[in-house]
Amino acid sequence: MDLSIVILHHGGPREVTANLEALRSAWLPEKTEVLVVNNGKAGSNAKIPFDKNLKFDLRYFEIENRGYPQGNNFGLALAKGKFLCILNPDIVVREDTVKVLIDYLNAHSRVGIAAPRLRYPDGRIQDNYRKFPRPFDHLIKRTFLRCFFKQRMQSYLMWDKDAYKSEPVDWLTGAFQLFTRKAWDALQPNDERFFLFMSDVDICRKAWARGYEVHFVGETEALHNDERLSSGGLLAFFTKKTMRIHVRDAVKYYLKYLLRSLPRGRG
């Protein structure tokens, strides 16, 4: 098997259907498998139209919701590909997205994780690349302090990065990550102590620490119909469950790496 794609969804058959339609129209290696894992409302996979004329092997699974890392780990444990892809259900790939990424990984042997530029439906480019966060970065991003530390926010969120330039970055968001088999075998699994957030930061940090580079590939892109679950300021902590989960996962992340220095990252 050349490529394995894991699409984890939380009871969202409509998004998965659009995702699969895009994959059907895109370039994919001859031997590609897609594993659709539902950890949301039971029976949601049955609402995804089945097409026998797909050019890839397609399998469906229903599992209990024990979090985003656990759901992806479930699919990746069954994956047989030389390349392994975590693909959120709200991603729509372009015709050349997968080809450009695989060609890039083949041409850069030290790279273990890669991702394309992601674009919102309104045309804005998503910042799916970041520097490794520190606790103060999360604090100022969510509070009035961001007004006083604009330069630090600019650095952390990499606002000055050329989104069309391929280069190393500290970490890539988990919406779309493509791994080499060698890298995934050395880094797996995603840390299931996290429930929804921070596992993407964690796996990229682990990659840099173990000698695998993480690269943003600006030569191609995909559409991301994204609703940032962690969006909002301090007041959102009291009104949004996902914000409280984000805070809890962030605390777990910082406790995990307490008194441990950051890896070299992108330098």
Foldseek 3Di string as FASTA:
>chain_A
DAEEEEEEDALDQVLQLLQQVLVQQADDPQEYEYEYEYQHDPPSVVVHDDDPPGSYHYYYYYDHQLADLVRVLVRVVPDDHQKYKYAYSQWRFHRCQVVVVVVVCVVPVQAFKEDEWEAEPVGHTDLQFFAQDDPVLVQCVFDPVCVVPVVVVCRGSVVVDDLLDKAFTQFGDSNIMMGGPVLCVVQDGQDSVQHYDDSRNVSSQVCLVVRHTYMYHNNGYIYGNDDPLCDHHPVVCVVHPSVVSVVVRVVVVCVVQPPNDGGPTRD
